[in-house]
Amino acid sequence: MLSAPKRQRNPDNVEGPWFVDDACIDCDAVRQLAPSLISRVDGKSVVVRQPANDDDERAMWLAALACPTNSLRTDPPRPRPRGLYPLELGDDVWYCGHNARSSFGANAYLVERRWGRAMIDAPRWHPDIVSWLEARGGLDHVLFTHRDDVADGERYAEHFGARVWIHADDRSAAPGATNIIEDEATIEEGLVTVPVPGHTKGSVVFLLDDDALFTGDSLYWSRRRRDVGVFTGATWYSLEAQLDSLEHLARRHRFAWLLPGHGQRHRTSAEDMPTRVLAMVDAMRNG
């Protein structure tokens, strides 16, 4: 039997104990968490600055635990800390970390409200996520924004007896789904799903309290441009449909906080963010 090739340190890393190996899939997860320490060089993440203090070191561990290929490592190897995830982002919203390779490193989230807890998209199965949920009373909903980012969501749902939501046009990706989305609908108080076909035919977003918008791969914040964006090169169904659906979303709903599957998280205001989306749609339609 042939053994897997040994991973190698990317030579573009700076000297020092932290490095990214050559198994990186360029999903951007580690760069979101440690942007001053990790950057993109020739289509891969590399360490561009070694940690200089405790905050830097924590950012590196958060990135390492999120990396779907375990490509961010130390030499010599160090024990990986426990309990860093879920990471609270504010307003009882958490980032799961432990991104799954099966979803190309997509981000997943947890929210807690008086009606219970929901997972939006899913990380890989991890005991830290399970124990956190068990300590807080379980999981009520697993919500999929689209077919690409289901990861181990159905395993979490089965373990906790949670309901699983996915759009009808992407339902084959979650054969155990208990609830099928077809139109805009209220899932729980303050939690609404809005179809946004484009990235996939069955893409949806989840809007929480007219503030936090969980967008999957339909909309993100660009660190480079400092504005909203869409992944035109990864719009599998229809870019025209995506622009139409985002315009519809921005005209009907208020939201301030983008929490995407891929791309940077960002918060402005409930007046500013929809305005940015409408301006982006207009600019893209006009070339």
C-alpha atoms as a PDB file:
ATOM      1  CA  MET A   1       0.000   0.000   0.000  1.00  0.00           C
ATOM      2  CA  LEU A   2       1.330   3.426  -0.938  1.00  0.00           C
ATOM      3  CA  SER A   3       1.624   5.883   1.929  1.00  0.00           C
ATOM      4  CA  ALA A   4       0.369   9.437   1.585  1.00  0.00           C
ATOM      5  CA  PRO A   5       3.097  11.920   0.624  1.00  0.00           C
ATOM      6  CA  LYS A   6       4.547  13.764   3.589  1.00  0.00           C
ATOM      7  CA  ARG A   7       3.383  17.339   3.901  1.00  0.00           C
ATOM      8  CA  GLN A   8       5.973  20.002   3.344  1.00  0.00           C
ATOM      9  CA  ARG A   9       6.352  23.490   4.760  1.00  0.00           C
ATOM     10  CA  ASN A  10       5.480  26.109   2.143  1.00  0.00           C
ATOM     11  CA  PRO A  11       8.777  27.925   1.471  1.00  0.00           C
ATOM     12  CA  ASP A  12       6.954  31.284   1.357  1.00  0.00           C
ATOM     13  CA  ASN A  13       6.360  31.164   5.122  1.00  0.00           C
ATOM     14  CA  VAL A  14       8.579  33.452   7.180  1.00  0.00           C
ATOM     15  CA  GLU A  15      11.113  31.793   9.450  1.00  0.00           C
ATOM     16  CA  GLY A  16       9.807  30.727  12.825  1.00  0.00           C
ATOM     17  CA  PRO A  17       7.780  28.026  14.567  1.00  0.00           C
ATOM     18  CA  TRP A  18       4.420  28.719  12.877  1.00  0.00           C
ATOM     19  CA  PHE A  19       3.941  27.698   9.250  1.00  0.00           C
ATOM     20  CA  VAL A  20       1.364  26.601   6.672  1.00  0.00           C
ATOM     21  CA  ASP A  21       2.048  23.356   4.848  1.00  0.00           C
ATOM     22  CA  ASP A  22       1.481  22.530   1.191  1.00  0.00           C
ATOM     23  CA  ALA A  23      -1.929  20.882   1.798  1.00  0.00           C
ATOM     24  CA  CYS A  24      -3.574  24.323   2.056  1.00  0.00           C
ATOM     25  CA  ILE A  25      -6.717  24.556  -0.127  1.00  0.00           C
ATOM     26  CA  ASP A  26      -6.871  28.396  -0.099  1.00  0.00           C
ATOM     27  CA  CYS A  27     -10.231  28.552   1.691  1.00  0.00           C
ATOM     28  CA  ASP A  28      -9.374  31.842   3.480  1.00  0.00           C
ATOM     29  CA  ALA A  29     -10.498  30.645   6.946  1.00  0.00           C
ATOM     30  CA  VAL A  30      -7.124  31.198   8.629  1.00  0.00           C
ATOM     31  CA  ARG A  31      -6.645  34.594   6.978  1.00  0.00           C
ATOM     32  CA  GLN A  32      -9.991  35.775   8.350  1.00  0.00           C
ATOM     33  CA  LEU A  33      -8.901  34.937  11.893  1.00  0.00           C
ATOM     34  CA  ALA A  34      -5.300  36.169  11.791  1.00  0.00           C
ATOM     35  CA  PRO A  35      -5.102  38.703   8.937  1.00  0.00           C
ATOM     36  CA  SER A  36      -2.004  40.445  10.290  1.00  0.00           C
ATOM     37  CA  LEU A  37      -0.127  37.148  10.622  1.00  0.00           C
ATOM     38  CA  ILE A  38      -1.277  35.120   7.616  1.00  0.00           C
ATOM     39  CA  SER A  39      -1.628  36.271   4.030  1.00  0.00           C
ATOM     40  CA  ARG A  40      -2.166  34.847   0.545  1.00  0.00           C
ATOM     41  CA  VAL A  41       0.854  34.224  -1.668  1.00  0.00           C
ATOM     42  CA  ASP A  42       0.523  32.481  -5.044  1.00  0.00           C
ATOM     43  CA  GLY A  43      -2.916  31.147  -4.201  1.00  0.00           C
ATOM     44  CA  LYS A  44      -2.037  29.723  -0.787  1.00  0.00           C
ATOM     45  CA  SER A  45      -2.073  30.904   2.822  1.00  0.00           C
ATOM     46  CA  VAL A  46       1.346  31.492   4.376  1.00  0.00           C
ATOM     47  CA  VAL A  47       2.598  32.926   7.649  1.00  0.00           C
ATOM     48  CA  VAL A  48       3.958  36.418   6.972  1.00  0.00           C
ATOM     49  CA  ARG A  49       4.629  37.379  10.596  1.00  0.00           C
ATOM     50  CA  GLN A  50       5.290  35.240  13.656  1.00  0.00           C
ATOM     51  CA  PRO A  51       3.274  35.946  16.816  1.00  0.00           C
ATOM     52  CA  ALA A  52       4.720  38.739  18.938  1.00  0.00           C
ATOM     53  CA  ASN A  53       2.407  38.570  21.985  1.00  0.00           C
ATOM     54  CA  ASP A  54      -0.341  36.541  23.662  1.00  0.00           C
ATOM     55  CA  ASP A  55      -3.068  38.012  21.444  1.00  0.00           C
ATOM     56  CA  ASP A  56      -1.143  36.987  18.321  1.00  0.00           C
ATOM     57  CA  GLU A  57      -0.613  33.510  19.715  1.00  0.00           C
ATOM     58  CA  ARG A  58      -4.316  33.116  20.456  1.00  0.00           C
ATOM     59  CA  ALA A  59      -5.207  34.288  16.942  1.00  0.00           C
ATOM     60  CA  MET A  60      -2.875  31.645  15.516  1.00  0.00           C
ATOM     61  CA  TRP A  61      -4.488  28.900  17.563  1.00  0.00           C
ATOM     62  CA  LEU A  62      -7.965  30.036  16.564  1.00  0.00           C
ATOM     63  CA  ALA A  63      -6.843  29.894  12.931  1.00  0.00           C
ATOM     64  CA  ALA A  64      -5.139  26.524  13.361  1.00  0.00           C
ATOM     65  CA  LEU A  65      -8.232  24.947  14.911  1.00  0.00           C
ATOM     66  CA  ALA A  66     -10.448  26.365  12.152  1.00  0.00           C
ATOM     67  CA  CYS A  67      -8.220  25.201   9.274  1.00  0.00           C
ATOM     68  CA  PRO A  68     -10.068  22.375   7.453  1.00  0.00           C
ATOM     69  CA  THR A  69      -6.838  20.640   6.384  1.00  0.00           C
ATOM     70  CA  ASN A  70      -4.879  21.152   9.625  1.00  0.00           C
ATOM     71  CA  SER A  71      -2.295  22.958   7.512  1.00  0.00           C
ATOM     72  CA  LEU A  72      -1.428  25.682  10.025  1.00  0.00           C
ATOM     73  CA  ARG A  73       1.061  24.058  12.404  1.00  0.00           C
ATOM     74  CA  THR A  74       4.087  24.558  14.594  1.00  0.00           C
ATOM     75  CA  ASP A  75       7.586  23.116  14.463  1.00  0.00           C
ATOM     76  CA  PRO A  76       8.198  21.512  16.880  1.00  0.00           C
ATOM     77  CA  PRO A  77       4.557  20.362  17.263  1.00  0.00           C
ATOM     78  CA  ARG A  78       2.646  21.698  20.258  1.00  0.00           C
ATOM     79  CA  PRO A  79      -0.474  20.306  21.956  1.00  0.00           C
ATOM     80  CA  ARG A  80      -3.596  21.902  20.548  1.00  0.00           C
ATOM     81  CA  PRO A  81      -5.609  23.842  23.148  1.00  0.00           C
ATOM     82  CA  ARG A  82      -9.224  22.946  23.907  1.00  0.00           C
ATOM     83  CA  GLY A  83     -12.164  25.208  24.560  1.00  0.00           C
ATOM     84  CA  LEU A  84     -11.396  28.048  22.147  1.00  0.00           C
ATOM     85  CA  TYR A  85     -14.526  27.239  20.148  1.00  0.00           C
ATOM     86  CA  PRO A  86     -17.308  28.131  19.808  1.00  0.00           C
ATOM     87  CA  LEU A  87     -16.020  31.706  19.659  1.00  0.00           C
ATOM     88  CA  GLU A  88     -18.520  34.373  20.730  1.00  0.00           C
ATOM     89  CA  LEU A  89     -18.884  37.149  18.166  1.00  0.00           C
ATOM     90  CA  GLY A  90     -21.477  39.133  20.141  1.00  0.00           C
ATOM     91  CA  ASP A  91     -25.235  39.213  20.705  1.00  0.00           C
ATOM     92  CA  ASP A  92     -25.366  35.470  21.486  1.00  0.00           C
ATOM     93  CA  VAL A  93     -23.902  34.580  18.100  1.00  0.00           C
ATOM     94  CA  TRP A  94     -20.933  32.221  17.940  1.00  0.00           C
ATOM     95  CA  TYR A  95     -18.532  31.087  15.241  1.00  0.00           C
ATOM     96  CA  CYS A  96     -18.048  27.313  15.384  1.00  0.00           C
ATOM     97  CA  GLY A  97     -14.483  27.047  14.045  1.00  0.00           C
ATOM     98  CA  HIS A  98     -13.426  23.487  13.133  1.00  0.00           C
ATOM     99  CA  ASN A  99     -14.263  24.184   9.490  1.00  0.00           C
ATOM    100  CA  ALA A 100     -14.869  21.120   7.345  1.00  0.00           C
ATOM    101  CA  ARG A 101     -12.885  20.205   4.265  1.00  0.00           C
ATOM    102  CA  SER A 102     -16.053  18.745   2.740  1.00  0.00           C
ATOM    103  CA  SER A 103     -17.484  22.280   2.599  1.00  0.00           C
ATOM    104  CA  PHE A 104     -14.189  23.776   1.357  1.00  0.00           C
ATOM    105  CA  GLY A 105     -13.559  25.338   4.749  1.00  0.00           C
ATOM    106  CA  ALA A 106     -16.878  27.177   5.035  1.00  0.00           C
ATOM    107  CA  ASN A 107     -17.716  28.988   8.261  1.00  0.00           C
ATOM    108  CA  ALA A 108     -20.569  27.776  10.466  1.00  0.00           C
ATOM    109  CA  TYR A 109     -22.350  29.562  13.281  1.00  0.00           C
ATOM    110  CA  LEU A 110     -24.457  29.029  16.396  1.00  0.00           C
ATOM    111  CA  VAL A 111     -27.128  31.362  17.750  1.00  0.00           C
ATOM    112  CA  GLU A 112     -28.971  31.261  21.046  1.00  0.00           C
ATOM    113  CA  ARG A 113     -32.306  32.890  21.776  1.00  0.00           C
ATOM    114  CA  ARG A 114     -35.083  32.266  24.272  1.00  0.00           C
ATOM    115  CA  TRP A 115     -36.596  29.693  21.918  1.00  0.00           C
ATOM    116  CA  GLY A 116     -33.355  27.643  21.876  1.00  0.00           C
ATOM    117  CA  ARG A 117     -30.285  27.218  19.711  1.00  0.00           C
ATOM    118  CA  ALA A 118     -29.689  26.977  15.971  1.00  0.00           C
ATOM    119  CA  MET A 119     -26.648  25.965  13.936  1.00  0.00           C
ATOM    120  CA  ILE A 120     -26.271  27.744  10.594  1.00  0.00           C
ATOM    121  CA  ASP A 121     -24.403  25.489   8.178  1.00  0.00           C
ATOM    122  CA  ALA A 122     -22.102  23.067   9.954  1.00  0.00           C
ATOM    123  CA  PRO A 123     -18.519  22.500  11.023  1.00  0.00           C
ATOM    124  CA  ARG A 124     -16.846  19.122  11.090  1.00  0.00           C
ATOM    125  CA  TRP A 125     -17.906  16.922  13.997  1.00  0.00           C
ATOM    126  CA  HIS A 126     -15.970  17.975  17.077  1.00  0.00           C
ATOM    127  CA  PRO A 127     -16.364  17.124  20.783  1.00  0.00           C
ATOM    128  CA  ASP A 128     -15.881  20.765  21.839  1.00  0.00           C
ATOM    129  CA  ILE A 129     -18.970  21.780  19.855  1.00  0.00           C
ATOM    130  CA  VAL A 130     -20.958  18.825  21.198  1.00  0.00           C
ATOM    131  CA  SER A 131     -20.029  19.453  24.841  1.00  0.00           C
ATOM    132  CA  TRP A 132     -20.774  23.188  24.505  1.00  0.00           C
ATOM    133  CA  LEU A 133     -24.243  22.460  23.139  1.00  0.00           C
ATOM    134  CA  GLU A 134     -24.929  19.758  25.724  1.00  0.00           C
ATOM    135  CA  ALA A 135     -23.993  22.163  28.527  1.00  0.00           C
ATOM    136  CA  ARG A 136     -26.425  24.780  27.183  1.00  0.00           C
ATOM    137  CA  GLY A 137     -29.389  22.495  26.650  1.00  0.00           C
ATOM    138  CA  GLY A 138     -28.930  20.995  23.193  1.00  0.00           C
ATOM    139  CA  LEU A 139     -29.627  22.047  19.611  1.00  0.00           C
ATOM    140  CA  ASP A 140     -33.061  22.819  18.166  1.00  0.00           C
ATOM    141  CA  HIS A 141     -32.385  23.619  14.498  1.00  0.00           C
ATOM    142  CA  VAL A 142     -29.741  22.970  11.864  1.00  0.00           C
ATOM    143  CA  LEU A 143     -30.160  25.497   9.044  1.00  0.00           C
ATOM    144  CA  PHE A 144     -28.440  25.005   5.703  1.00  0.00           C
ATOM    145  CA  THR A 145     -27.869  28.015   3.454  1.00  0.00           C
ATOM    146  CA  HIS A 146     -27.212  25.749   0.466  1.00  0.00           C
ATOM    147  CA  ARG A 147     -26.055  22.326  -0.589  1.00  0.00           C
ATOM    148  CA  ASP A 148     -22.270  22.947  -0.468  1.00  0.00           C
ATOM    149  CA  ASP A 149     -21.903  23.621   3.258  1.00  0.00           C
ATOM    150  CA  VAL A 150     -23.812  20.850   5.031  1.00  0.00           C
ATOM    151  CA  ALA A 151     -20.613  19.177   6.361  1.00  0.00           C
ATOM    152  CA  ASP A 152     -21.547  17.161   9.486  1.00  0.00           C
ATOM    153  CA  GLY A 153     -24.780  19.042  10.092  1.00  0.00           C
ATOM    154  CA  GLU A 154     -27.029  16.001   9.923  1.00  0.00           C
ATOM    155  CA  ARG A 155     -24.808  14.199  12.440  1.00  0.00           C
ATOM    156  CA  TYR A 156     -25.260  17.086  14.889  1.00  0.00           C
ATOM    157  CA  ALA A 157     -28.996  17.081  14.204  1.00  0.00           C
ATOM    158  CA  GLU A 158     -29.297  13.340  14.825  1.00  0.00           C
ATOM    159  CA  HIS A 159     -27.288  13.556  18.036  1.00  0.00           C
ATOM    160  CA  PHE A 160     -29.462  16.332  19.471  1.00  0.00           C
ATOM    161  CA  GLY A 161     -32.793  15.518  17.811  1.00  0.00           C
ATOM    162  CA  ALA A 162     -32.758  18.850  15.972  1.00  0.00           C
ATOM    163  CA  ARG A 163     -34.905  19.836  13.013  1.00  0.00           C
ATOM    164  CA  VAL A 164     -33.036  20.218   9.710  1.00  0.00           C
ATOM    165  CA  TRP A 165     -33.943  22.961   7.226  1.00  0.00           C
ATOM    166  CA  ILE A 166     -32.870  23.195   3.574  1.00  0.00           C
ATOM    167  CA  HIS A 167     -34.398  24.617   0.395  1.00  0.00           C
ATOM    168  CA  ALA A 168     -36.354  22.268  -1.840  1.00  0.00           C
ATOM    169  CA  ASP A 169     -33.967  22.771  -4.762  1.00  0.00           C
ATOM    170  CA  ASP A 170     -30.943  21.704  -2.673  1.00  0.00           C
ATOM    171  CA  ARG A 171     -32.638  19.053  -0.547  1.00  0.00           C
ATOM    172  CA  SER A 172     -30.686  16.138  -2.070  1.00  0.00           C
ATOM    173  CA  ALA A 173     -27.664  17.366  -0.059  1.00  0.00           C
ATOM    174  CA  ALA A 174     -29.552  16.730   3.204  1.00  0.00           C
ATOM    175  CA  PRO A 175     -31.701  13.637   2.672  1.00  0.00           C
ATOM    176  CA  GLY A 176     -32.655  13.584   6.361  1.00  0.00           C
ATOM    177  CA  ALA A 177     -34.082  17.113   6.325  1.00  0.00           C
ATOM    178  CA  THR A 178     -37.259  17.507   8.374  1.00  0.00           C
ATOM    179  CA  ASN A 179     -38.294  20.913   6.995  1.00  0.00           C
ATOM    180  CA  ILE A 180     -38.176  22.000   3.365  1.00  0.00           C
ATOM    181  CA  ILE A 181     -37.921  25.704   2.497  1.00  0.00           C
ATOM    182  CA  GLU A 182     -39.740  26.940  -0.594  1.00  0.00           C
ATOM    183  CA  ASP A 183     -40.579  30.585   0.145  1.00  0.00           C
ATOM    184  CA  GLU A 184     -39.702  33.240   2.686  1.00  0.00           C
ATOM    185  CA  ALA A 185     -40.726  31.889   6.084  1.00  0.00           C
ATOM    186  CA  THR A 186     -40.396  32.482   9.824  1.00  0.00           C
ATOM    187  CA  ILE A 187     -38.604  29.620  11.564  1.00  0.00           C
ATOM    188  CA  GLU A 188     -38.724  31.015  15.105  1.00  0.00           C
ATOM    189  CA  GLU A 189     -39.419  34.419  16.589  1.00  0.00           C
ATOM    190  CA  GLY A 190     -36.955  36.822  14.964  1.00  0.00           C
ATOM    191  CA  LEU A 191     -35.488  34.166  12.645  1.00  0.00           C
ATOM    192  CA  VAL A 192     -36.507  34.349   8.991  1.00  0.00           C
ATOM    193  CA  THR A 193     -35.285  32.503   5.911  1.00  0.00           C
ATOM    194  CA  VAL A 194     -35.217  34.253   2.523  1.00  0.00           C
ATOM    195  CA  PRO A 195     -34.505  32.377  -0.742  1.00  0.00           C
ATOM    196  CA  VAL A 196     -31.658  33.902  -2.775  1.00  0.00           C
ATOM    197  CA  PRO A 197     -31.180  31.642  -5.814  1.00  0.00           C
ATOM    198  CA  GLY A 198     -27.925  32.249  -7.638  1.00  0.00           C
ATOM    199  CA  HIS A 199     -24.934  30.551  -6.060  1.00  0.00           C
ATOM    200  CA  THR A 200     -27.071  27.421  -6.151  1.00  0.00           C
ATOM    201  CA  LYS A 201     -30.705  27.198  -7.155  1.00  0.00           C
ATOM    202  CA  GLY A 202     -31.635  26.437  -3.549  1.00  0.00           C
ATOM    203  CA  SER A 203     -29.514  29.063  -1.798  1.00  0.00           C
ATOM    204  CA  VAL A 204     -31.145  30.882   1.108  1.00  0.00           C
ATOM    205  CA  VAL A 205     -30.074  33.386   3.760  1.00  0.00           C
ATOM    206  CA  PHE A 206     -31.160  33.432   7.391  1.00  0.00           C
ATOM    207  CA  LEU A 207     -31.965  36.794   8.978  1.00  0.00           C
ATOM    208  CA  LEU A 208     -31.856  37.094  12.764  1.00  0.00           C
ATOM    209  CA  ASP A 209     -33.602  39.988  14.530  1.00  0.00           C
ATOM    210  CA  ASP A 210     -33.347  42.251  11.449  1.00  0.00           C
ATOM    211  CA  ASP A 211     -29.637  42.503  12.226  1.00  0.00           C
ATOM    212  CA  ALA A 212     -27.475  39.420  11.587  1.00  0.00           C
ATOM    213  CA  LEU A 213     -27.615  37.966   8.078  1.00  0.00           C
ATOM    214  CA  PHE A 214     -26.158  34.492   7.577  1.00  0.00           C
ATOM    215  CA  THR A 215     -25.405  34.466   3.867  1.00  0.00           C
ATOM    216  CA  GLY A 216     -23.663  31.186   3.023  1.00  0.00           C
ATOM    217  CA  ASP A 217     -21.904  31.767  -0.301  1.00  0.00           C
ATOM    218  CA  SER A 218     -24.356  34.385  -1.596  1.00  0.00           C
ATOM    219  CA  LEU A 219     -22.819  37.561  -0.144  1.00  0.00           C
ATOM    220  CA  TYR A 220     -19.669  38.464   1.775  1.00  0.00           C
ATOM    221  CA  TRP A 221     -17.476  41.358   2.889  1.00  0.00           C
ATOM    222  CA  SER A 222     -14.269  41.907   0.908  1.00  0.00           C
ATOM    223  CA  ARG A 223     -11.246  42.821   3.038  1.00  0.00           C
ATOM    224  CA  ARG A 224      -9.478  44.166  -0.025  1.00  0.00           C
ATOM    225  CA  ARG A 225     -12.278  46.393  -1.317  1.00  0.00           C
ATOM    226  CA  ARG A 226     -13.878  47.061   2.068  1.00  0.00           C
ATOM    227  CA  ASP A 227     -17.310  46.496   0.616  1.00  0.00           C
ATOM    228  CA  VAL A 228     -19.863  43.780  -0.074  1.00  0.00           C
ATOM    229  CA  GLY A 229     -19.226  41.276  -2.851  1.00  0.00           C
ATOM    230  CA  VAL A 230     -20.383  38.095  -4.541  1.00  0.00           C
ATOM    231  CA  PHE A 231     -18.315  35.190  -5.816  1.00  0.00           C
ATOM    232  CA  THR A 232     -18.913  35.599  -9.532  1.00  0.00           C
ATOM    233  CA  GLY A 233     -16.524  32.739 -10.324  1.00  0.00           C
ATOM    234  CA  ALA A 234     -18.449  30.378  -8.055  1.00  0.00           C
ATOM    235  CA  THR A 235     -22.025  31.192  -9.012  1.00  0.00           C
ATOM    236  CA  TRP A 236     -23.113  27.705 -10.002  1.00  0.00           C
ATOM    237  CA  TYR A 237     -26.744  28.422 -10.905  1.00  0.00           C
ATOM    238  CA  SER A 238     -27.183  31.967 -12.297  1.00  0.00           C
ATOM    239  CA  LEU A 239     -25.481  35.297 -11.692  1.00  0.00           C
ATOM    240  CA  GLU A 240     -28.520  37.126 -13.074  1.00  0.00           C
ATOM    241  CA  ALA A 241     -30.775  35.306 -10.618  1.00  0.00           C
ATOM    242  CA  GLN A 242     -28.350  36.059  -7.802  1.00  0.00           C
ATOM    243  CA  LEU A 243     -28.373  39.792  -8.488  1.00  0.00           C
ATOM    244  CA  ASP A 244     -32.180  39.783  -8.717  1.00  0.00           C
ATOM    245  CA  SER A 245     -32.520  37.896  -5.442  1.00  0.00           C
ATOM    246  CA  LEU A 246     -30.024  40.111  -3.599  1.00  0.00           C
ATOM    247  CA  GLU A 247     -31.841  43.213  -4.807  1.00  0.00           C
ATOM    248  CA  HIS A 248     -35.107  41.748  -3.546  1.00  0.00           C
ATOM    249  CA  LEU A 249     -33.474  40.959  -0.188  1.00  0.00           C
ATOM    250  CA  ALA A 250     -31.972  44.440   0.227  1.00  0.00           C
ATOM    251  CA  ARG A 251     -35.209  46.212  -0.672  1.00  0.00           C
ATOM    252  CA  ARG A 252     -37.381  44.141   1.684  1.00  0.00           C
ATOM    253  CA  HIS A 253     -35.158  43.639   4.721  1.00  0.00           C
ATOM    254  CA  ARG A 254     -32.841  45.520   7.066  1.00  0.00           C
ATOM    255  CA  PHE A 255     -29.574  43.960   8.204  1.00  0.00           C
ATOM    256  CA  ALA A 256     -26.297  45.300   9.524  1.00  0.00           C
ATOM    257  CA  TRP A 257     -24.105  42.245  10.087  1.00  0.00           C
ATOM    258  CA  LEU A 258     -22.851  39.908   7.352  1.00  0.00           C
ATOM    259  CA  LEU A 259     -21.892  36.429   8.536  1.00  0.00           C
ATOM    260  CA  PRO A 260     -20.889  34.501   5.398  1.00  0.00           C
ATOM    261  CA  GLY A 261     -19.792  30.939   4.815  1.00  0.00           C
ATOM    262  CA  HIS A 262     -16.823  32.156   2.798  1.00  0.00           C
ATOM    263  CA  GLY A 263     -15.385  35.644   3.010  1.00  0.00           C
ATOM    264  CA  GLN A 264     -14.992  38.142   5.798  1.00  0.00           C
ATOM    265  CA  ARG A 265     -17.543  38.882   8.497  1.00  0.00           C
ATOM    266  CA  HIS A 266     -18.385  42.565   8.899  1.00  0.00           C
ATOM    267  CA  ARG A 267     -20.864  44.870  10.602  1.00  0.00           C
ATOM    268  CA  THR A 268     -21.925  48.389   9.641  1.00  0.00           C
ATOM    269  CA  SER A 269     -25.537  49.564  10.173  1.00  0.00           C
ATOM    270  CA  ALA A 270     -29.007  48.461   9.119  1.00  0.00           C
ATOM    271  CA  GLU A 271     -29.221  51.491   6.834  1.00  0.00           C
ATOM    272  CA  ASP A 272     -25.763  51.139   5.313  1.00  0.00           C
ATOM    273  CA  MET A 273     -25.531  47.448   4.518  1.00  0.00           C
ATOM    274  CA  PRO A 274     -28.641  47.104   2.316  1.00  0.00           C
ATOM    275  CA  THR A 275     -27.619  50.315   0.531  1.00  0.00           C
ATOM    276  CA  ARG A 276     -24.231  48.774  -0.225  1.00  0.00           C
ATOM    277  CA  VAL A 277     -25.887  45.646  -1.598  1.00  0.00           C
ATOM    278  CA  LEU A 278     -28.127  47.669  -3.919  1.00  0.00           C
ATOM    279  CA  ALA A 279     -25.152  49.721  -5.135  1.00  0.00           C
ATOM    280  CA  MET A 280     -23.173  46.539  -5.833  1.00  0.00           C
ATOM    281  CA  VAL A 281     -26.072  45.019  -7.771  1.00  0.00           C
ATOM    282  CA  ASP A 282     -26.448  48.180  -9.866  1.00  0.00           C
ATOM    283  CA  ALA A 283     -22.706  48.358 -10.566  1.00  0.00           C
ATOM    284  CA  MET A 284     -22.528  44.701 -11.632  1.00  0.00           C
ATOM    285  CA  ARG A 285     -25.518  45.028 -13.933  1.00  0.00           C
ATOM    286  CA  ASN A 286     -23.845  47.996 -15.576  1.00  0.00           C
ATOM    287  CA  GLY A 287     -20.557  46.228 -16.032  1.00  0.00           C
END
